[in-house]
């Protein structure tokens, strides 16, 4: 892949991240087309030029082309930016696949693991497109609260790809004075860190809901990081990836942000609501819920001990009382750290 300046970009997904990335790329003088899977939602965006559901208060400039037709959105695109939630990637990209020009690089911003296949976002897209290798695929991950990005507050992320040239290209495309992009070769580790931190964020929210205190929450982050690092190493990821921006950096933001969907979901569970009651209150995707099931499967497959993840899984799917879950974690057999 020859390093060049990319001008024509198609952003997939009209949620908060898709919208804010379109605004960011437009501010950098890129030609941006934003595609949404649901025509009524796209039509509403065309009429109001504002994402009132996900990012109210940030007008979408007329120069950003809003599309519901995949062929129109993808025509001539030199980079595809996928912001589709993980569990919806496969069906969405099956719609897009016939219009994707061969050789077009793809970067994913999703953070999750497909429950049936245990594939990461870039793997799912490559599978749908029938790509023979991962050279055309990358991921950008790190602490990225969409509302803060919309306000151009400073943020730092990782652009990861097994293809060094693509990682450099993504860095060149997205880097600006308030959005700093580092490159990384560990695509597996970066995507896995982004997925698993959502599970720990659910646990952090449970602690908030129980009002268990900052001592407990800080310990949870430390031990949560330890167990997701163990899984990453067992799967072949680099240990250092989890101590960097895409690992502990993203983990801390997700666990402490008052607006984070996963932490907020956990908080409601800690206050006594059932999972059904929590999910009935929102139409937004809470990536950590299905990802918890996927991570438990991976832990079994790679024979990795993940007590916090298992406790979250039991709270979500086995009706374990959150107080009992904390008690069981605290009374495990003492050992060295």
C-alpha atoms as a PDB file:
ATOM      1  CA  UNK A   1       0.000   0.000   0.000  1.00  0.00           C
ATOM      2  CA  UNK A   2       1.461   3.328  -1.061  1.00  0.00           C
ATOM      3  CA  UNK A   3       1.222   6.085   1.549  1.00  0.00           C
ATOM      4  CA  UNK A   4      -0.830   8.945   0.151  1.00  0.00           C
ATOM      5  CA  UNK A   5      -3.190  11.617   1.328  1.00  0.00           C
ATOM      6  CA  UNK A   6      -6.780  10.354   1.487  1.00  0.00           C
ATOM      7  CA  UNK A   7      -9.529  12.811   0.567  1.00  0.00           C
ATOM      8  CA  UNK A   8     -12.663  10.763  -0.155  1.00  0.00           C
ATOM      9  CA  UNK A   9     -13.950   8.898   2.914  1.00  0.00           C
ATOM     10  CA  UNK A  10     -17.138   6.944   3.590  1.00  0.00           C
ATOM     11  CA  UNK A  11     -18.266   6.709   7.227  1.00  0.00           C
ATOM     12  CA  UNK A  12     -20.548   3.771   8.040  1.00  0.00           C
ATOM     13  CA  UNK A  13     -23.035   4.294  10.870  1.00  0.00           C
ATOM     14  CA  UNK A  14     -25.084   7.308  11.968  1.00  0.00           C
ATOM     15  CA  UNK A  15     -24.669   6.891  15.723  1.00  0.00           C
ATOM     16  CA  UNK A  16     -22.731   9.333  17.870  1.00  0.00           C
ATOM     17  CA  UNK A  17     -19.298   8.072  16.782  1.00  0.00           C
ATOM     18  CA  UNK A  18     -20.150   7.996  13.076  1.00  0.00           C
ATOM     19  CA  UNK A  19     -21.529  11.515  13.287  1.00  0.00           C
ATOM     20  CA  UNK A  20     -18.617  12.989  15.239  1.00  0.00           C
ATOM     21  CA  UNK A  21     -16.016  11.347  12.988  1.00  0.00           C
ATOM     22  CA  UNK A  22     -17.762  12.800   9.947  1.00  0.00           C
ATOM     23  CA  UNK A  23     -17.594  16.238  11.542  1.00  0.00           C
ATOM     24  CA  UNK A  24     -13.927  15.739  12.441  1.00  0.00           C
ATOM     25  CA  UNK A  25     -12.902  14.593   8.964  1.00  0.00           C
ATOM     26  CA  UNK A  26     -14.888  17.404   7.343  1.00  0.00           C
ATOM     27  CA  UNK A  27     -13.058  19.931   9.520  1.00  0.00           C
ATOM     28  CA  UNK A  28      -9.837  18.541   8.034  1.00  0.00           C
ATOM     29  CA  UNK A  29     -11.082  19.345   4.523  1.00  0.00           C
ATOM     30  CA  UNK A  30     -11.945  15.742   3.639  1.00  0.00           C
ATOM     31  CA  UNK A  31     -14.760  14.776   1.290  1.00  0.00           C
ATOM     32  CA  UNK A  32     -17.105  12.841   3.588  1.00  0.00           C
ATOM     33  CA  UNK A  33     -20.125  10.659   2.898  1.00  0.00           C
ATOM     34  CA  UNK A  34     -22.067   9.353   5.898  1.00  0.00           C
ATOM     35  CA  UNK A  35     -24.131   6.184   5.353  1.00  0.00           C
ATOM     36  CA  UNK A  36     -26.859   4.864   7.618  1.00  0.00           C
ATOM     37  CA  UNK A  37     -28.572   1.491   7.479  1.00  0.00           C
ATOM     38  CA  UNK A  38     -32.024   2.908   8.171  1.00  0.00           C
ATOM     39  CA  UNK A  39     -33.459   5.194   5.487  1.00  0.00           C
ATOM     40  CA  UNK A  40     -35.938   7.015   7.800  1.00  0.00           C
ATOM     41  CA  UNK A  41     -33.060   7.977  10.118  1.00  0.00           C
ATOM     42  CA  UNK A  42     -30.974   9.217   7.200  1.00  0.00           C
ATOM     43  CA  UNK A  43     -33.933  11.198   5.851  1.00  0.00           C
ATOM     44  CA  UNK A  44     -34.376  12.814   9.267  1.00  0.00           C
ATOM     45  CA  UNK A  45     -30.699  13.796   9.251  1.00  0.00           C
ATOM     46  CA  UNK A  46     -31.073  15.257   5.753  1.00  0.00           C
ATOM     47  CA  UNK A  47     -34.056  17.337   6.849  1.00  0.00           C
ATOM     48  CA  UNK A  48     -32.630  18.635  10.127  1.00  0.00           C
ATOM     49  CA  UNK A  49     -28.851  18.418   9.431  1.00  0.00           C
ATOM     50  CA  UNK A  50     -28.469  17.413  13.080  1.00  0.00           C
ATOM     51  CA  UNK A  51     -28.256  14.060  14.886  1.00  0.00           C
ATOM     52  CA  UNK A  52     -30.856  14.912  17.529  1.00  0.00           C
ATOM     53  CA  UNK A  53     -30.840  11.397  19.022  1.00  0.00           C
ATOM     54  CA  UNK A  54     -27.102  10.819  19.440  1.00  0.00           C
ATOM     55  CA  UNK A  55     -25.302  14.168  19.168  1.00  0.00           C
ATOM     56  CA  UNK A  56     -27.709  17.050  19.580  1.00  0.00           C
ATOM     57  CA  UNK A  57     -26.377  20.555  19.218  1.00  0.00           C
ATOM     58  CA  UNK A  58     -23.775  19.862  16.531  1.00  0.00           C
ATOM     59  CA  UNK A  59     -25.065  20.754  13.048  1.00  0.00           C
ATOM     60  CA  UNK A  60     -23.953  18.574  10.129  1.00  0.00           C
ATOM     61  CA  UNK A  61     -22.494  20.826   7.409  1.00  0.00           C
ATOM     62  CA  UNK A  62     -24.116  20.706   3.985  1.00  0.00           C
ATOM     63  CA  UNK A  63     -20.823  19.499   2.480  1.00  0.00           C
ATOM     64  CA  UNK A  64     -21.183  16.139   4.302  1.00  0.00           C
ATOM     65  CA  UNK A  65     -23.240  13.946   1.989  1.00  0.00           C
ATOM     66  CA  UNK A  66     -25.847  11.839   3.809  1.00  0.00           C
ATOM     67  CA  UNK A  67     -26.654   8.537   2.081  1.00  0.00           C
ATOM     68  CA  UNK A  68     -28.959   5.550   2.522  1.00  0.00           C
ATOM     69  CA  UNK A  69     -27.837   3.893  -0.750  1.00  0.00           C
ATOM     70  CA  UNK A  70     -24.631   1.843  -0.225  1.00  0.00           C
ATOM     71  CA  UNK A  71     -23.492   2.223  -3.838  1.00  0.00           C
ATOM     72  CA  UNK A  72     -23.815   6.003  -3.648  1.00  0.00           C
ATOM     73  CA  UNK A  73     -21.983   6.183  -0.333  1.00  0.00           C
ATOM     74  CA  UNK A  74     -19.083   3.940  -1.315  1.00  0.00           C
ATOM     75  CA  UNK A  75     -18.501   5.142  -4.880  1.00  0.00           C
ATOM     76  CA  UNK A  76     -14.945   6.418  -5.141  1.00  0.00           C
ATOM     77  CA  UNK A  77     -14.218   6.100  -1.420  1.00  0.00           C
ATOM     78  CA  UNK A  78     -10.511   5.701  -0.670  1.00  0.00           C
ATOM     79  CA  UNK A  79     -11.121   4.764   2.981  1.00  0.00           C
ATOM     80  CA  UNK A  80     -14.117   3.199   4.747  1.00  0.00           C
ATOM     81  CA  UNK A  81     -14.658   4.051   8.425  1.00  0.00           C
ATOM     82  CA  UNK A  82     -16.890   1.518  10.189  1.00  0.00           C
ATOM     83  CA  UNK A  83     -18.601   2.580  13.428  1.00  0.00           C
ATOM     84  CA  UNK A  84     -21.263  -0.157  13.431  1.00  0.00           C
ATOM     85  CA  UNK A  85     -21.719  -1.920  16.814  1.00  0.00           C
ATOM     86  CA  UNK A  86     -20.019  -5.311  16.789  1.00  0.00           C
ATOM     87  CA  UNK A  87     -23.100  -7.532  16.901  1.00  0.00           C
ATOM     88  CA  UNK A  88     -24.524  -5.717  13.835  1.00  0.00           C
ATOM     89  CA  UNK A  89     -21.348  -5.617  11.734  1.00  0.00           C
ATOM     90  CA  UNK A  90     -21.939  -8.849   9.810  1.00  0.00           C
ATOM     91  CA  UNK A  91     -25.463  -8.099   8.597  1.00  0.00           C
ATOM     92  CA  UNK A  92     -24.581  -4.476   7.822  1.00  0.00           C
ATOM     93  CA  UNK A  93     -21.467  -5.337   5.840  1.00  0.00           C
ATOM     94  CA  UNK A  94     -23.338  -8.000   3.885  1.00  0.00           C
ATOM     95  CA  UNK A  95     -25.413  -5.113   2.532  1.00  0.00           C
ATOM     96  CA  UNK A  96     -22.310  -3.077   1.792  1.00  0.00           C
ATOM     97  CA  UNK A  97     -20.088  -5.803   0.329  1.00  0.00           C
ATOM     98  CA  UNK A  98     -21.333  -5.672  -3.288  1.00  0.00           C
ATOM     99  CA  UNK A  99     -20.480  -1.942  -3.457  1.00  0.00           C
ATOM    100  CA  UNK A 100     -17.019  -2.081  -1.849  1.00  0.00           C
ATOM    101  CA  UNK A 101     -14.289  -1.516  -4.416  1.00  0.00           C
ATOM    102  CA  UNK A 102     -11.511  -4.156  -4.154  1.00  0.00           C
ATOM    103  CA  UNK A 103      -8.436  -2.900  -2.346  1.00  0.00           C
ATOM    104  CA  UNK A 104     -10.242  -0.213  -0.326  1.00  0.00           C
ATOM    105  CA  UNK A 105      -8.815  -0.007   3.225  1.00  0.00           C
ATOM    106  CA  UNK A 106     -11.218  -0.252   6.172  1.00  0.00           C
ATOM    107  CA  UNK A 107     -10.780   1.072   9.707  1.00  0.00           C
ATOM    108  CA  UNK A 108     -13.080  -0.020  12.537  1.00  0.00           C
ATOM    109  CA  UNK A 109     -14.012   1.967  15.633  1.00  0.00           C
ATOM    110  CA  UNK A 110     -16.177  -0.817  17.138  1.00  0.00           C
ATOM    111  CA  UNK A 111     -15.336  -2.337  20.525  1.00  0.00           C
ATOM    112  CA  UNK A 112     -16.688  -5.832  20.988  1.00  0.00           C
ATOM    113  CA  UNK A 113     -16.508  -9.515  20.064  1.00  0.00           C
ATOM    114  CA  UNK A 114     -19.068 -11.336  17.908  1.00  0.00           C
ATOM    115  CA  UNK A 115     -20.843 -13.799  20.177  1.00  0.00           C
ATOM    116  CA  UNK A 116     -21.285 -16.672  17.691  1.00  0.00           C
ATOM    117  CA  UNK A 117     -17.865 -16.656  16.010  1.00  0.00           C
ATOM    118  CA  UNK A 118     -15.743 -14.913  18.709  1.00  0.00           C
ATOM    119  CA  UNK A 119     -14.346 -12.726  15.914  1.00  0.00           C
ATOM    120  CA  UNK A 120     -13.123  -9.190  16.442  1.00  0.00           C
ATOM    121  CA  UNK A 121     -14.643  -6.337  14.352  1.00  0.00           C
ATOM    122  CA  UNK A 122     -11.918  -6.280  11.673  1.00  0.00           C
ATOM    123  CA  UNK A 123     -12.083 -10.063  11.377  1.00  0.00           C
ATOM    124  CA  UNK A 124     -15.846  -9.949  10.831  1.00  0.00           C
ATOM    125  CA  UNK A 125     -15.540  -7.365   8.051  1.00  0.00           C
ATOM    126  CA  UNK A 126     -12.687  -9.283   6.393  1.00  0.00           C
ATOM    127  CA  UNK A 127     -14.760 -12.476   6.608  1.00  0.00           C
ATOM    128  CA  UNK A 128     -17.776 -10.851   4.946  1.00  0.00           C
ATOM    129  CA  UNK A 129     -15.631  -9.338   2.189  1.00  0.00           C
ATOM    130  CA  UNK A 130     -13.740 -12.595   1.658  1.00  0.00           C
ATOM    131  CA  UNK A 131     -10.414 -10.804   2.138  1.00  0.00           C
ATOM    132  CA  UNK A 132      -7.450 -13.220   1.974  1.00  0.00           C
ATOM    133  CA  UNK A 133      -5.409 -11.352   4.610  1.00  0.00           C
ATOM    134  CA  UNK A 134      -5.649  -8.469   7.091  1.00  0.00           C
ATOM    135  CA  UNK A 135      -3.447  -5.976   5.239  1.00  0.00           C
ATOM    136  CA  UNK A 136      -6.403  -3.762   4.315  1.00  0.00           C
ATOM    137  CA  UNK A 137      -7.849  -3.602   7.829  1.00  0.00           C
ATOM    138  CA  UNK A 138      -7.107  -1.471  10.859  1.00  0.00           C
ATOM    139  CA  UNK A 139      -8.702  -0.308  14.081  1.00  0.00           C
ATOM    140  CA  UNK A 140      -8.643   2.966  15.964  1.00  0.00           C
ATOM    141  CA  UNK A 141      -9.224   2.677  19.696  1.00  0.00           C
ATOM    142  CA  UNK A 142      -8.674   4.535  22.936  1.00  0.00           C
ATOM    143  CA  UNK A 143     -10.574   6.917  25.236  1.00  0.00           C
ATOM    144  CA  UNK A 144     -13.080   8.415  22.787  1.00  0.00           C
ATOM    145  CA  UNK A 145     -16.208   9.872  24.371  1.00  0.00           C
ATOM    146  CA  UNK A 146     -18.122  11.178  21.356  1.00  0.00           C
ATOM    147  CA  UNK A 147     -19.486  14.323  23.031  1.00  0.00           C
ATOM    148  CA  UNK A 148     -15.971  15.347  24.074  1.00  0.00           C
ATOM    149  CA  UNK A 149     -14.706  14.747  20.540  1.00  0.00           C
ATOM    150  CA  UNK A 150     -17.518  16.920  19.186  1.00  0.00           C
ATOM    151  CA  UNK A 151     -16.258  19.732  21.449  1.00  0.00           C
ATOM    152  CA  UNK A 152     -12.716  19.226  20.126  1.00  0.00           C
ATOM    153  CA  UNK A 153     -11.399  18.415  23.588  1.00  0.00           C
ATOM    154  CA  UNK A 154      -7.934  16.785  23.563  1.00  0.00           C
ATOM    155  CA  UNK A 155      -7.937  13.042  22.910  1.00  0.00           C
ATOM    156  CA  UNK A 156      -5.306  10.438  22.134  1.00  0.00           C
ATOM    157  CA  UNK A 157      -5.887   7.120  20.358  1.00  0.00           C
ATOM    158  CA  UNK A 158      -4.129   4.160  18.766  1.00  0.00           C
ATOM    159  CA  UNK A 159      -4.295   3.328  15.054  1.00  0.00           C
ATOM    160  CA  UNK A 160      -3.477  -0.375  14.826  1.00  0.00           C
ATOM    161  CA  UNK A 161      -2.890  -2.586  11.822  1.00  0.00           C
ATOM    162  CA  UNK A 162      -0.749  -5.576  10.926  1.00  0.00           C
ATOM    163  CA  UNK A 163       0.152  -3.459   7.886  1.00  0.00           C
ATOM    164  CA  UNK A 164       2.535  -0.710   9.023  1.00  0.00           C
ATOM    165  CA  UNK A 165       1.757   1.416   5.964  1.00  0.00           C
ATOM    166  CA  UNK A 166      -1.957   1.346   6.706  1.00  0.00           C
ATOM    167  CA  UNK A 167      -1.357   2.285  10.349  1.00  0.00           C
ATOM    168  CA  UNK A 168       0.702   5.256   9.147  1.00  0.00           C
ATOM    169  CA  UNK A 169      -2.004   6.195   6.653  1.00  0.00           C
ATOM    170  CA  UNK A 170      -4.663   6.171   9.372  1.00  0.00           C
ATOM    171  CA  UNK A 171      -2.421   8.296  11.574  1.00  0.00           C
ATOM    172  CA  UNK A 172      -1.955  10.818   8.780  1.00  0.00           C
ATOM    173  CA  UNK A 173      -5.681  10.888   8.010  1.00  0.00           C
ATOM    174  CA  UNK A 174      -7.064  11.371  11.527  1.00  0.00           C
ATOM    175  CA  UNK A 175      -4.286  13.198  13.375  1.00  0.00           C
ATOM    176  CA  UNK A 176      -4.937  16.880  14.129  1.00  0.00           C
ATOM    177  CA  UNK A 177      -4.041  19.459  16.767  1.00  0.00           C
ATOM    178  CA  UNK A 178      -6.543  18.096  19.309  1.00  0.00           C
ATOM    179  CA  UNK A 179      -6.770  14.428  18.226  1.00  0.00           C
ATOM    180  CA  UNK A 180      -3.374  12.731  18.559  1.00  0.00           C
ATOM    181  CA  UNK A 181      -2.936   9.351  16.854  1.00  0.00           C
ATOM    182  CA  UNK A 182      -0.196   6.843  17.683  1.00  0.00           C
ATOM    183  CA  UNK A 183       0.451   3.804  15.490  1.00  0.00           C
ATOM    184  CA  UNK A 184       0.663   0.202  16.680  1.00  0.00           C
ATOM    185  CA  UNK A 185       1.188  -3.195  15.071  1.00  0.00           C
ATOM    186  CA  UNK A 186      -0.820  -5.199  17.647  1.00  0.00           C
ATOM    187  CA  UNK A 187      -4.251  -5.209  16.015  1.00  0.00           C
ATOM    188  CA  UNK A 188      -5.335  -8.220  18.085  1.00  0.00           C
ATOM    189  CA  UNK A 189      -4.363  -6.590  21.378  1.00  0.00           C
ATOM    190  CA  UNK A 190      -5.884  -3.206  20.576  1.00  0.00           C
ATOM    191  CA  UNK A 191      -9.236  -4.677  19.522  1.00  0.00           C
ATOM    192  CA  UNK A 192      -9.311  -7.130  22.419  1.00  0.00           C
ATOM    193  CA  UNK A 193      -8.538  -4.365  24.931  1.00  0.00           C
ATOM    194  CA  UNK A 194     -11.367  -2.261  23.514  1.00  0.00           C
ATOM    195  CA  UNK A 195     -13.822  -5.130  23.824  1.00  0.00           C
ATOM    196  CA  UNK A 196     -12.904  -6.451  27.256  1.00  0.00           C
ATOM    197  CA  UNK A 197     -12.786  -3.060  28.968  1.00  0.00           C
ATOM    198  CA  UNK A 198     -16.554  -2.841  28.462  1.00  0.00           C
ATOM    199  CA  UNK A 199     -16.994  -5.919  30.664  1.00  0.00           C
ATOM    200  CA  UNK A 200     -14.921  -4.363  33.450  1.00  0.00           C
ATOM    201  CA  UNK A 201     -16.912  -1.128  33.022  1.00  0.00           C
ATOM    202  CA  UNK A 202     -20.098  -3.059  33.775  1.00  0.00           C
ATOM    203  CA  UNK A 203     -18.470  -4.250  37.000  1.00  0.00           C
ATOM    204  CA  UNK A 204     -17.361  -0.687  37.820  1.00  0.00           C
ATOM    205  CA  UNK A 205     -20.921   0.493  37.389  1.00  0.00           C
ATOM    206  CA  UNK A 206     -22.174  -2.245  39.690  1.00  0.00           C
ATOM    207  CA  UNK A 207     -19.766  -0.987  42.358  1.00  0.00           C
ATOM    208  CA  UNK A 208     -21.098   2.559  41.821  1.00  0.00           C
ATOM    209  CA  UNK A 209     -24.657   1.315  42.139  1.00  0.00           C
ATOM    210  CA  UNK A 210     -23.839  -0.497  45.363  1.00  0.00           C
ATOM    211  CA  UNK A 211     -21.983   2.589  46.649  1.00  0.00           C
ATOM    212  CA  UNK A 212     -19.063   0.313  47.489  1.00  0.00           C
ATOM    213  CA  UNK A 213     -16.555   3.175  47.337  1.00  0.00           C
ATOM    214  CA  UNK A 214     -13.484   4.281  45.429  1.00  0.00           C
ATOM    215  CA  UNK A 215     -11.176   1.781  47.143  1.00  0.00           C
ATOM    216  CA  UNK A 216     -13.207  -1.061  45.692  1.00  0.00           C
ATOM    217  CA  UNK A 217     -13.498   0.564  42.280  1.00  0.00           C
ATOM    218  CA  UNK A 218      -9.785   1.260  41.955  1.00  0.00           C
ATOM    219  CA  UNK A 219      -8.972  -2.303  42.993  1.00  0.00           C
ATOM    220  CA  UNK A 220     -11.473  -3.541  40.436  1.00  0.00           C
ATOM    221  CA  UNK A 221      -9.712  -1.613  37.654  1.00  0.00           C
ATOM    222  CA  UNK A 222      -6.337  -3.018  38.651  1.00  0.00           C
ATOM    223  CA  UNK A 223      -7.514  -6.617  38.888  1.00  0.00           C
ATOM    224  CA  UNK A 224      -9.716  -6.226  35.817  1.00  0.00           C
ATOM    225  CA  UNK A 225      -6.732  -5.042  33.825  1.00  0.00           C
ATOM    226  CA  UNK A 226      -4.752  -8.025  35.079  1.00  0.00           C
ATOM    227  CA  UNK A 227      -7.289 -10.547  33.869  1.00  0.00           C
ATOM    228  CA  UNK A 228      -7.891  -9.011  30.447  1.00  0.00           C
ATOM    229  CA  UNK A 229      -4.117  -8.833  29.996  1.00  0.00           C
ATOM    230  CA  UNK A 230      -3.864 -12.555  30.835  1.00  0.00           C
ATOM    231  CA  UNK A 231      -6.432 -13.314  28.161  1.00  0.00           C
ATOM    232  CA  UNK A 232      -4.667 -11.125  25.640  1.00  0.00           C
ATOM    233  CA  UNK A 233      -1.312 -12.789  26.213  1.00  0.00           C
ATOM    234  CA  UNK A 234      -2.872 -16.246  25.957  1.00  0.00           C
ATOM    235  CA  UNK A 235      -4.366 -15.266  22.584  1.00  0.00           C
ATOM    236  CA  UNK A 236      -1.060 -13.895  21.277  1.00  0.00           C
ATOM    237  CA  UNK A 237      -1.407 -10.170  21.972  1.00  0.00           C
ATOM    238  CA  UNK A 238       1.420  -8.085  23.413  1.00  0.00           C
ATOM    239  CA  UNK A 239       1.354  -7.450  27.161  1.00  0.00           C
ATOM    240  CA  UNK A 240       2.404  -3.814  26.739  1.00  0.00           C
ATOM    241  CA  UNK A 241      -0.678  -3.086  24.620  1.00  0.00           C
ATOM    242  CA  UNK A 242      -2.880  -3.389  27.696  1.00  0.00           C
ATOM    243  CA  UNK A 243      -0.823  -0.902  29.712  1.00  0.00           C
ATOM    244  CA  UNK A 244      -1.136   1.740  27.000  1.00  0.00           C
ATOM    245  CA  UNK A 245      -3.768   4.105  25.651  1.00  0.00           C
ATOM    246  CA  UNK A 246      -5.952   1.413  24.094  1.00  0.00           C
ATOM    247  CA  UNK A 247      -5.757  -0.643  27.297  1.00  0.00           C
ATOM    248  CA  UNK A 248      -5.654   1.041  30.694  1.00  0.00           C
ATOM    249  CA  UNK A 249      -6.318   4.461  29.135  1.00  0.00           C
ATOM    250  CA  UNK A 250      -9.606   3.426  27.596  1.00  0.00           C
ATOM    251  CA  UNK A 251     -10.463   1.261  30.609  1.00  0.00           C
ATOM    252  CA  UNK A 252     -10.174   4.160  33.054  1.00  0.00           C
ATOM    253  CA  UNK A 253     -12.300   6.489  30.932  1.00  0.00           C
ATOM    254  CA  UNK A 254     -15.021   3.888  30.429  1.00  0.00           C
ATOM    255  CA  UNK A 255     -15.166   2.993  34.115  1.00  0.00           C
ATOM    256  CA  UNK A 256     -15.316   6.590  35.389  1.00  0.00           C
ATOM    257  CA  UNK A 257     -17.272   8.473  32.706  1.00  0.00           C
ATOM    258  CA  UNK A 258     -20.780   9.254  34.019  1.00  0.00           C
ATOM    259  CA  UNK A 259     -22.205   9.012  30.498  1.00  0.00           C
ATOM    260  CA  UNK A 260     -20.680   5.656  29.497  1.00  0.00           C
ATOM    261  CA  UNK A 261     -23.355   3.141  28.503  1.00  0.00           C
ATOM    262  CA  UNK A 262     -21.644   0.123  30.040  1.00  0.00           C
ATOM    263  CA  UNK A 263     -20.813   1.769  33.360  1.00  0.00           C
ATOM    264  CA  UNK A 264     -24.317   3.259  33.525  1.00  0.00           C
ATOM    265  CA  UNK A 265     -25.869  -0.150  32.833  1.00  0.00           C
ATOM    266  CA  UNK A 266     -23.822  -1.675  35.640  1.00  0.00           C
ATOM    267  CA  UNK A 267     -24.853   1.102  38.019  1.00  0.00           C
ATOM    268  CA  UNK A 268     -28.537   0.366  37.447  1.00  0.00           C
ATOM    269  CA  UNK A 269     -27.886  -3.333  38.033  1.00  0.00           C
ATOM    270  CA  UNK A 270     -26.114  -2.436  41.274  1.00  0.00           C
ATOM    271  CA  UNK A 271     -29.158  -0.443  42.341  1.00  0.00           C
ATOM    272  CA  UNK A 272     -31.324  -3.533  41.998  1.00  0.00           C
ATOM    273  CA  UNK A 273     -32.746  -3.373  38.481  1.00  0.00           C
ATOM    274  CA  UNK A 274     -32.833  -6.484  36.327  1.00  0.00           C
ATOM    275  CA  UNK A 275     -31.037  -6.652  32.980  1.00  0.00           C
ATOM    276  CA  UNK A 276     -34.422  -6.655  31.234  1.00  0.00           C
ATOM    277  CA  UNK A 277     -35.437  -3.471  33.043  1.00  0.00           C
ATOM    278  CA  UNK A 278     -32.161  -1.762  32.172  1.00  0.00           C
ATOM    279  CA  UNK A 279     -32.220  -2.624  28.467  1.00  0.00           C
ATOM    280  CA  UNK A 280     -35.895  -1.647  28.182  1.00  0.00           C
ATOM    281  CA  UNK A 281     -34.959   1.923  29.096  1.00  0.00           C
ATOM    282  CA  UNK A 282     -32.698   2.518  26.093  1.00  0.00           C
ATOM    283  CA  UNK A 283     -32.528   1.848  22.384  1.00  0.00           C
ATOM    284  CA  UNK A 284     -28.757   2.337  22.453  1.00  0.00           C
ATOM    285  CA  UNK A 285     -26.433  -0.647  22.102  1.00  0.00           C
ATOM    286  CA  UNK A 286     -24.647  -1.666  25.314  1.00  0.00           C
ATOM    287  CA  UNK A 287     -21.685  -3.518  23.812  1.00  0.00           C
ATOM    288  CA  UNK A 288     -20.486  -4.996  27.101  1.00  0.00           C
ATOM    289  CA  UNK A 289     -23.552  -7.219  27.557  1.00  0.00           C
ATOM    290  CA  UNK A 290     -23.040  -9.578  24.585  1.00  0.00           C
ATOM    291  CA  UNK A 291     -19.262  -9.158  24.824  1.00  0.00           C
ATOM    292  CA  UNK A 292     -19.325 -10.568  28.366  1.00  0.00           C
ATOM    293  CA  UNK A 293     -20.678 -13.852  27.023  1.00  0.00           C
ATOM    294  CA  UNK A 294     -18.079 -13.902  24.263  1.00  0.00           C
ATOM    295  CA  UNK A 295     -15.197 -13.208  26.679  1.00  0.00           C
ATOM    296  CA  UNK A 296     -16.320 -16.026  28.992  1.00  0.00           C
ATOM    297  CA  UNK A 297     -16.164 -18.380  25.997  1.00  0.00           C
ATOM    298  CA  UNK A 298     -12.686 -17.123  25.072  1.00  0.00           C
ATOM    299  CA  UNK A 299     -11.504 -17.556  28.665  1.00  0.00           C
ATOM    300  CA  UNK A 300     -12.610 -21.182  28.612  1.00  0.00           C
ATOM    301  CA  UNK A 301     -11.094 -21.755  25.174  1.00  0.00           C
ATOM    302  CA  UNK A 302      -7.700 -20.387  26.239  1.00  0.00           C
ATOM    303  CA  UNK A 303      -7.886 -21.685  29.827  1.00  0.00           C
ATOM    304  CA  UNK A 304      -7.577 -18.233  31.420  1.00  0.00           C
ATOM    305  CA  UNK A 305      -8.877 -17.396  34.892  1.00  0.00           C
ATOM    306  CA  UNK A 306     -11.149 -14.318  34.746  1.00  0.00           C
ATOM    307  CA  UNK A 307     -13.056 -14.049  38.046  1.00  0.00           C
ATOM    308  CA  UNK A 308     -14.425 -10.518  37.506  1.00  0.00           C
ATOM    309  CA  UNK A 309     -15.683 -11.353  34.032  1.00  0.00           C
ATOM    310  CA  UNK A 310     -17.302 -14.531  35.333  1.00  0.00           C
ATOM    311  CA  UNK A 311     -18.972 -12.591  38.150  1.00  0.00           C
ATOM    312  CA  UNK A 312     -20.372 -10.033  35.684  1.00  0.00           C
ATOM    313  CA  UNK A 313     -21.619 -12.885  33.498  1.00  0.00           C
ATOM    314  CA  UNK A 314     -23.475 -14.439  36.448  1.00  0.00           C
ATOM    315  CA  UNK A 315     -25.059 -11.099  37.362  1.00  0.00           C
ATOM    316  CA  UNK A 316     -26.174 -10.522  33.771  1.00  0.00           C
ATOM    317  CA  UNK A 317     -27.366 -13.972  32.798  1.00  0.00           C
ATOM    318  CA  UNK A 318     -27.760 -16.071  35.955  1.00  0.00           C
ATOM    319  CA  UNK A 319     -29.552 -13.571  38.223  1.00  0.00           C
ATOM    320  CA  UNK A 320     -26.702 -13.501  40.751  1.00  0.00           C
ATOM    321  CA  UNK A 321     -27.266 -10.709  43.260  1.00  0.00           C
ATOM    322  CA  UNK A 322     -24.572  -8.020  42.745  1.00  0.00           C
ATOM    323  CA  UNK A 323     -23.883  -7.924  46.491  1.00  0.00           C
ATOM    324  CA  UNK A 324     -23.276 -11.669  46.458  1.00  0.00           C
ATOM    325  CA  UNK A 325     -21.009 -11.281  43.420  1.00  0.00           C
ATOM    326  CA  UNK A 326     -18.825  -8.772  45.295  1.00  0.00           C
ATOM    327  CA  UNK A 327     -18.775 -11.029  48.358  1.00  0.00           C
ATOM    328  CA  UNK A 328     -17.648 -14.012  46.313  1.00  0.00           C
ATOM    329  CA  UNK A 329     -14.831 -12.002  44.732  1.00  0.00           C
ATOM    330  CA  UNK A 330     -13.657 -10.708  48.117  1.00  0.00           C
ATOM    331  CA  UNK A 331     -13.635 -14.167  49.736  1.00  0.00           C
ATOM    332  CA  UNK A 332     -11.665 -15.976  47.039  1.00  0.00           C
ATOM    333  CA  UNK A 333      -8.621 -17.910  48.202  1.00  0.00           C
ATOM    334  CA  UNK A 334      -5.860 -15.435  49.238  1.00  0.00           C
ATOM    335  CA  UNK A 335      -2.782 -15.439  46.997  1.00  0.00           C
ATOM    336  CA  UNK A 336       0.109 -13.284  45.816  1.00  0.00           C
ATOM    337  CA  UNK A 337      -0.752 -10.531  43.328  1.00  0.00           C
END
